[in-house]
Amino acid sequence: MAKKLPASIPRIALTPSEAAAAIGVGPDFFDANVAPELRLIRRGRKRLVPVSELERWTAEKAEPVFGRRT
């Protein structure tokens, strides 16, 4: 059985379900619409999503808000 890491160690990769939750979408939406645009870590059946890839993807997909008053 794998040991759990202490919570104080920052995560640099997430499971697809965790990655989906991190950006506020469901696993099915993530698999169909987000994961194909990300570089994933694959080892056997295990898939991991680097946090840096999620940050890159969200920064690229963000659209400017026009007509916003401050």
PDB file of N, CA and C in Angstrom:
ATOM      1  N   MET A   1       0.842  -1.181   0.000  1.00  0.00           N
ATOM      2  CA  MET A   1       0.000   0.000   0.000  1.00  0.00           C
ATOM      3  C   MET A   1       0.889   1.246   0.000  1.00  0.00           C
ATOM      4  N   ALA A   2       0.558   2.205  -0.826  1.00  0.00           N
ATOM      5  CA  ALA A   2       1.347   3.430  -0.953  1.00  0.00           C
ATOM      6  C   ALA A   2       1.155   4.312   0.277  1.00  0.00           C
ATOM      7  N   LYS A   3       2.238   4.944   0.677  1.00  0.00           N
ATOM      8  CA  LYS A   3       2.177   5.878   1.801  1.00  0.00           C
ATOM      9  C   LYS A   3       1.609   7.209   1.333  1.00  0.00           C
ATOM     10  N   LYS A   4       0.834   7.826   2.173  1.00  0.00           N
ATOM     11  CA  LYS A   4       0.332   9.171   1.893  1.00  0.00           C
ATOM     12  C   LYS A   4       1.392  10.176   2.310  1.00  0.00           C
ATOM     13  N   LEU A   5       1.593  11.201   1.491  1.00  0.00           N
ATOM     14  CA  LEU A   5       2.538  12.251   1.820  1.00  0.00           C
ATOM     15  C   LEU A   5       1.901  13.226   2.803  1.00  0.00           C
ATOM     16  N   PRO A   6       2.713  13.833   3.653  1.00  0.00           N
ATOM     17  CA  PRO A   6       2.154  14.855   4.554  1.00  0.00           C
ATOM     18  C   PRO A   6       1.529  15.990   3.749  1.00  0.00           C
ATOM     19  N   ALA A   7       0.505  16.596   4.287  1.00  0.00           N
ATOM     20  CA  ALA A   7      -0.218  17.664   3.593  1.00  0.00           C
ATOM     21  C   ALA A   7       0.658  18.875   3.306  1.00  0.00           C
ATOM     22  N   SER A   8       1.767  19.029   4.033  1.00  0.00           N
ATOM     23  CA  SER A   8       2.603  20.212   3.849  1.00  0.00           C
ATOM     24  C   SER A   8       3.465  20.151   2.590  1.00  0.00           C
ATOM     25  N   ILE A   9       3.532  18.994   1.939  1.00  0.00           N
ATOM     26  CA  ILE A   9       4.314  18.880   0.705  1.00  0.00           C
ATOM     27  C   ILE A   9       3.437  19.342  -0.453  1.00  0.00           C
ATOM     28  N   PRO A  10       3.864  20.392  -1.179  1.00  0.00           N
ATOM     29  CA  PRO A  10       3.031  20.896  -2.279  1.00  0.00           C
ATOM     30  C   PRO A  10       2.934  19.894  -3.425  1.00  0.00           C
ATOM     31  N   ARG A  11       1.756  19.784  -3.985  1.00  0.00           N
ATOM     32  CA  ARG A  11       1.526  18.875  -5.106  1.00  0.00           C
ATOM     33  C   ARG A  11       1.972  19.550  -6.385  1.00  0.00           C
ATOM     34  N   ILE A  12       2.705  18.834  -7.227  1.00  0.00           N
ATOM     35  CA  ILE A  12       3.100  19.374  -8.529  1.00  0.00           C
ATOM     36  C   ILE A  12       2.377  18.649  -9.659  1.00  0.00           C
ATOM     37  N   ALA A  13       1.634  17.603  -9.321  1.00  0.00           N
ATOM     38  CA  ALA A  13       0.821  16.881 -10.305  1.00  0.00           C
ATOM     39  C   ALA A  13      -0.425  16.361  -9.599  1.00  0.00           C
ATOM     40  N   LEU A  14      -1.514  16.305 -10.368  1.00  0.00           N
ATOM     41  CA  LEU A  14      -2.807  15.873  -9.833  1.00  0.00           C
ATOM     42  C   LEU A  14      -3.359  14.732 -10.674  1.00  0.00           C
ATOM     43  N   THR A  15      -4.245  13.953 -10.089  1.00  0.00           N
ATOM     44  CA  THR A  15      -4.975  12.969 -10.882  1.00  0.00           C
ATOM     45  C   THR A  15      -5.944  13.729 -11.778  1.00  0.00           C
ATOM     46  N   PRO A  16      -6.430  13.124 -12.849  1.00  0.00           N
ATOM     47  CA  PRO A  16      -7.406  13.822 -13.694  1.00  0.00           C
ATOM     48  C   PRO A  16      -8.644  14.313 -12.925  1.00  0.00           C
ATOM     49  N   SER A  17      -9.127  13.528 -11.976  1.00  0.00           N
ATOM     50  CA  SER A  17     -10.292  13.964 -11.185  1.00  0.00           C
ATOM     51  C   SER A  17      -9.960  15.181 -10.345  1.00  0.00           C
ATOM     52  N   GLU A  18      -8.779  15.192  -9.740  1.00  0.00           N
ATOM     53  CA  GLU A  18      -8.351  16.344  -8.951  1.00  0.00           C
ATOM     54  C   GLU A  18      -8.150  17.567  -9.847  1.00  0.00           C
ATOM     55  N   ALA A  19      -7.567  17.353 -11.028  1.00  0.00           N
ATOM     56  CA  ALA A  19      -7.351  18.449 -11.969  1.00  0.00           C
ATOM     57  C   ALA A  19      -8.684  19.043 -12.414  1.00  0.00           C
ATOM     58  N   ALA A  20      -9.656  18.192 -12.692  1.00  0.00           N
ATOM     59  CA  ALA A  20     -10.985  18.671 -13.078  1.00  0.00           C
ATOM     60  C   ALA A  20     -11.580  19.528 -11.969  1.00  0.00           C
ATOM     61  N   ALA A  21     -11.507  19.043 -10.746  1.00  0.00           N
ATOM     62  CA  ALA A  21     -12.044  19.800  -9.610  1.00  0.00           C
ATOM     63  C   ALA A  21     -11.295  21.114  -9.431  1.00  0.00           C
ATOM     64  N   ALA A  22      -9.989  21.101  -9.669  1.00  0.00           N
ATOM     65  CA  ALA A  22      -9.175  22.305  -9.477  1.00  0.00           C
ATOM     66  C   ALA A  22      -9.589  23.436 -10.414  1.00  0.00           C
ATOM     67  N   ILE A  23     -10.089  23.097 -11.608  1.00  0.00           N
ATOM     68  CA  ILE A  23     -10.510  24.157 -12.535  1.00  0.00           C
ATOM     69  C   ILE A  23     -12.042  24.286 -12.601  1.00  0.00           C
ATOM     70  N   GLY A  24     -12.730  23.536 -11.750  1.00  0.00           N
ATOM     71  CA  GLY A  24     -14.174  23.726 -11.616  1.00  0.00           C
ATOM     72  C   GLY A  24     -15.029  23.048 -12.662  1.00  0.00           C
ATOM     73  N   VAL A  25     -14.559  21.932 -13.213  1.00  0.00           N
ATOM     74  CA  VAL A  25     -15.362  21.183 -14.186  1.00  0.00           C
ATOM     75  C   VAL A  25     -15.466  19.735 -13.730  1.00  0.00           C
ATOM     76  N   GLY A  26     -16.365  19.001 -14.344  1.00  0.00           N
ATOM     77  CA  GLY A  26     -16.525  17.600 -14.027  1.00  0.00           C
ATOM     78  C   GLY A  26     -15.516  16.731 -14.770  1.00  0.00           C
ATOM     79  N   PRO A  27     -15.332  15.505 -14.315  1.00  0.00           N
ATOM     80  CA  PRO A  27     -14.365  14.601 -14.945  1.00  0.00           C
ATOM     81  C   PRO A  27     -14.653  14.321 -16.419  1.00  0.00           C
ATOM     82  N   ASP A  28     -15.911  14.165 -16.794  1.00  0.00           N
ATOM     83  CA  ASP A  28     -16.245  13.885 -18.193  1.00  0.00           C
ATOM     84  C   ASP A  28     -15.902  15.076 -19.087  1.00  0.00           C
ATOM     85  N   PHE A  29     -16.248  16.285 -18.634  1.00  0.00           N
ATOM     86  CA  PHE A  29     -15.914  17.491 -19.390  1.00  0.00           C
ATOM     87  C   PHE A  29     -14.398  17.629 -19.506  1.00  0.00           C
ATOM     88  N   PHE A  30     -13.700  17.392 -18.411  1.00  0.00           N
ATOM     89  CA  PHE A  30     -12.242  17.488 -18.402  1.00  0.00           C
ATOM     90  C   PHE A  30     -11.635  16.536 -19.431  1.00  0.00           C
ATOM     91  N   ASP A  31     -12.071  15.272 -19.401  1.00  0.00           N
ATOM     92  CA  ASP A  31     -11.525  14.275 -20.332  1.00  0.00           C
ATOM     93  C   ASP A  31     -11.801  14.637 -21.788  1.00  0.00           C
ATOM     94  N   ALA A  32     -12.980  15.185 -22.066  1.00  0.00           N
ATOM     95  CA  ALA A  32     -13.365  15.474 -23.450  1.00  0.00           C
ATOM     96  C   ALA A  32     -12.824  16.807 -23.965  1.00  0.00           C
ATOM     97  N   ASN A  33     -12.733  17.809 -23.102  1.00  0.00           N
ATOM     98  CA  ASN A  33     -12.449  19.165 -23.573  1.00  0.00           C
ATOM     99  C   ASN A  33     -11.143  19.790 -23.104  1.00  0.00           C
ATOM    100  N   VAL A  34     -10.578  19.284 -22.041  1.00  0.00           N
ATOM    101  CA  VAL A  34      -9.376  19.900 -21.482  1.00  0.00           C
ATOM    102  C   VAL A  34      -8.152  18.993 -21.661  1.00  0.00           C
ATOM    103  N   ALA A  35      -8.258  17.750 -21.225  1.00  0.00           N
ATOM    104  CA  ALA A  35      -7.112  16.831 -21.260  1.00  0.00           C
ATOM    105  C   ALA A  35      -6.446  16.714 -22.632  1.00  0.00           C
ATOM    106  N   PRO A  36      -7.209  16.720 -23.742  1.00  0.00           N
ATOM    107  CA  PRO A  36      -6.539  16.619 -25.046  1.00  0.00           C
ATOM    108  C   PRO A  36      -5.583  17.783 -25.347  1.00  0.00           C
ATOM    109  N   GLU A  37      -5.742  18.901 -24.640  1.00  0.00           N
ATOM    110  CA  GLU A  37      -4.894  20.067 -24.871  1.00  0.00           C
ATOM    111  C   GLU A  37      -3.744  20.175 -23.871  1.00  0.00           C
ATOM    112  N   LEU A  38      -3.612  19.181 -22.997  1.00  0.00           N
ATOM    113  CA  LEU A  38      -2.580  19.198 -21.966  1.00  0.00           C
ATOM    114  C   LEU A  38      -1.515  18.143 -22.218  1.00  0.00           C
ATOM    115  N   ARG A  39      -0.310  18.434 -21.741  1.00  0.00           N
ATOM    116  CA  ARG A  39       0.725  17.404 -21.696  1.00  0.00           C
ATOM    117  C   ARG A  39       0.515  16.654 -20.390  1.00  0.00           C
ATOM    118  N   LEU A  40       0.315  15.354 -20.480  1.00  0.00           N
ATOM    119  CA  LEU A  40       0.069  14.521 -19.300  1.00  0.00           C
ATOM    120  C   LEU A  40       1.257  13.619 -19.035  1.00  0.00           C
ATOM    121  N   ILE A  41       1.379  13.193 -17.801  1.00  0.00           N
ATOM    122  CA  ILE A  41       2.375  12.190 -17.427  1.00  0.00           C
ATOM    123  C   ILE A  41       1.654  10.855 -17.441  1.00  0.00           C
ATOM    124  N   ARG A  42       2.158   9.917 -18.225  1.00  0.00           N
ATOM    125  CA  ARG A  42       1.547   8.587 -18.317  1.00  0.00           C
ATOM    126  C   ARG A  42       2.577   7.533 -17.929  1.00  0.00           C
ATOM    127  N   ARG A  43       2.236   6.710 -16.989  1.00  0.00           N
ATOM    128  CA  ARG A  43       3.055   5.579 -16.584  1.00  0.00           C
ATOM    129  C   ARG A  43       2.118   4.408 -16.359  1.00  0.00           C
ATOM    130  N   GLY A  44       2.142   3.465 -17.289  1.00  0.00           N
ATOM    131  CA  GLY A  44       1.183   2.363 -17.216  1.00  0.00           C
ATOM    132  C   GLY A  44      -0.220   2.913 -17.368  1.00  0.00           C
ATOM    133  N   ARG A  45      -1.090   2.549 -16.460  1.00  0.00           N
ATOM    134  CA  ARG A  45      -2.467   3.045 -16.500  1.00  0.00           C
ATOM    135  C   ARG A  45      -2.638   4.369 -15.765  1.00  0.00           C
ATOM    136  N   LYS A  46      -1.600   4.767 -15.045  1.00  0.00           N
ATOM    137  CA  LYS A  46      -1.661   6.000 -14.248  1.00  0.00           C
ATOM    138  C   LYS A  46      -1.480   7.228 -15.133  1.00  0.00           C
ATOM    139  N   ARG A  47      -2.345   8.227 -14.956  1.00  0.00           N
ATOM    140  CA  ARG A  47      -2.216   9.520 -15.633  1.00  0.00           C
ATOM    141  C   ARG A  47      -2.141  10.601 -14.569  1.00  0.00           C
ATOM    142  N   LEU A  48      -1.212  11.514 -14.751  1.00  0.00           N
ATOM    143  CA  LEU A  48      -1.088  12.663 -13.849  1.00  0.00           C
ATOM    144  C   LEU A  48      -1.053  13.934 -14.678  1.00  0.00           C
ATOM    145  N   VAL A  49      -1.616  14.991 -14.118  1.00  0.00           N
ATOM    146  CA  VAL A  49      -1.668  16.286 -14.787  1.00  0.00           C
ATOM    147  C   VAL A  49      -0.766  17.246 -14.011  1.00  0.00           C
ATOM    148  N   PRO A  50       0.314  17.721 -14.625  1.00  0.00           N
ATOM    149  CA  PRO A  50       1.153  18.703 -13.931  1.00  0.00           C
ATOM    150  C   PRO A  50       0.362  19.981 -13.646  1.00  0.00           C
ATOM    151  N   VAL A  51       0.507  20.503 -12.452  1.00  0.00           N
ATOM    152  CA  VAL A  51      -0.174  21.742 -12.082  1.00  0.00           C
ATOM    153  C   VAL A  51       0.228  22.862 -13.043  1.00  0.00           C
ATOM    154  N   SER A  52       1.486  22.875 -13.460  1.00  0.00           N
ATOM    155  CA  SER A  52       1.944  23.912 -14.399  1.00  0.00           C
ATOM    156  C   SER A  52       1.179  23.852 -15.719  1.00  0.00           C
ATOM    157  N   GLU A  53       0.774  22.662 -16.153  1.00  0.00           N
ATOM    158  CA  GLU A  53      -0.026  22.535 -17.378  1.00  0.00           C
ATOM    159  C   GLU A  53      -1.416  23.125 -17.186  1.00  0.00           C
ATOM    160  N   LEU A  54      -2.019  22.899 -16.022  1.00  0.00           N
ATOM    161  CA  LEU A  54      -3.329  23.497 -15.736  1.00  0.00           C
ATOM    162  C   LEU A  54      -3.230  25.020 -15.706  1.00  0.00           C
ATOM    163  N   GLU A  55      -2.167  25.531 -15.108  1.00  0.00           N
ATOM    164  CA  GLU A  55      -1.980  26.981 -15.057  1.00  0.00           C
ATOM    165  C   GLU A  55      -1.773  27.552 -16.453  1.00  0.00           C
ATOM    166  N   ARG A  56      -0.982  26.878 -17.271  1.00  0.00           N
ATOM    167  CA  ARG A  56      -0.759  27.330 -18.650  1.00  0.00           C
ATOM    168  C   ARG A  56      -2.070  27.325 -19.418  1.00  0.00           C
ATOM    169  N   TRP A  57      -2.824  26.236 -19.330  1.00  0.00           N
ATOM    170  CA  TRP A  57      -4.073  26.085 -20.077  1.00  0.00           C
ATOM    171  C   TRP A  57      -5.082  27.164 -19.686  1.00  0.00           C
ATOM    172  N   THR A  58      -5.238  27.403 -18.383  1.00  0.00           N
ATOM    173  CA  THR A  58      -6.222  28.402 -17.960  1.00  0.00           C
ATOM    174  C   THR A  58      -5.794  29.809 -18.376  1.00  0.00           C
ATOM    175  N   ALA A  59      -4.490  30.105 -18.329  1.00  0.00           N
ATOM    176  CA  ALA A  59      -4.011  31.429 -18.759  1.00  0.00           C
ATOM    177  C   ALA A  59      -4.247  31.630 -20.257  1.00  0.00           C
ATOM    178  N   GLU A  60      -4.032  30.591 -21.053  1.00  0.00           N
ATOM    179  CA  GLU A  60      -4.236  30.698 -22.501  1.00  0.00           C
ATOM    180  C   GLU A  60      -5.708  30.805 -22.866  1.00  0.00           C
ATOM    181  N   LYS A  61      -6.576  30.173 -22.121  1.00  0.00           N
ATOM    182  CA  LYS A  61      -8.009  30.160 -22.447  1.00  0.00           C
ATOM    183  C   LYS A  61      -8.770  31.344 -21.874  1.00  0.00           C
ATOM    184  N   ALA A  62      -8.160  32.064 -20.950  1.00  0.00           N
ATOM    185  CA  ALA A  62      -8.839  33.220 -20.350  1.00  0.00           C
ATOM    186  C   ALA A  62      -9.051  34.296 -21.410  1.00  0.00           C
ATOM    187  N   GLU A  63     -10.231  34.875 -21.427  1.00  0.00           N
ATOM    188  CA  GLU A  63     -10.570  35.926 -22.370  1.00  0.00           C
ATOM    189  C   GLU A  63     -10.647  37.259 -21.633  1.00  0.00           C
ATOM    190  N   PRO A  64     -10.221  38.313 -22.292  1.00  0.00           N
ATOM    191  CA  PRO A  64     -10.319  39.628 -21.650  1.00  0.00           C
ATOM    192  C   PRO A  64     -11.786  40.042 -21.503  1.00  0.00           C
ATOM    193  N   VAL A  65     -12.062  40.802 -20.483  1.00  0.00           N
ATOM    194  CA  VAL A  65     -13.409  41.318 -20.267  1.00  0.00           C
ATOM    195  C   VAL A  65     -13.463  42.724 -20.822  1.00  0.00           C
ATOM    196  N   PHE A  66     -14.302  42.933 -21.836  1.00  0.00           N
ATOM    197  CA  PHE A  66     -14.435  44.230 -22.472  1.00  0.00           C
ATOM    198  C   PHE A  66     -15.561  45.025 -21.832  1.00  0.00           C
ATOM    199  N   GLY A  67     -15.410  46.312 -21.806  1.00  0.00           N
ATOM    200  CA  GLY A  67     -16.444  47.172 -21.259  1.00  0.00           C
ATOM    201  C   GLY A  67     -16.548  47.121 -19.761  1.00  0.00           C
ATOM    202  N   ARG A  68     -15.547  46.606 -19.102  1.00  0.00           N
ATOM    203  CA  ARG A  68     -15.575  46.506 -17.648  1.00  0.00           C
ATOM    204  C   ARG A  68     -15.242  47.859 -17.035  1.00  0.00           C
ATOM    205  N   ARG A  69     -16.048  48.286 -16.095  1.00  0.00           N
ATOM    206  CA  ARG A  69     -15.817  49.555 -15.423  1.00  0.00           C
ATOM    207  C   ARG A  69     -15.143  49.293 -14.089  1.00  0.00           C
ATOM    208  N   THR A  70     -14.154  50.087 -13.780  1.00  0.00           N
ATOM    209  CA  THR A  70     -13.465  49.929 -12.494  1.00  0.00           C
ATOM    210  C   THR A  70     -13.738  51.061 -11.565  1.00  0.00           C
TER     211      THR A  70
END
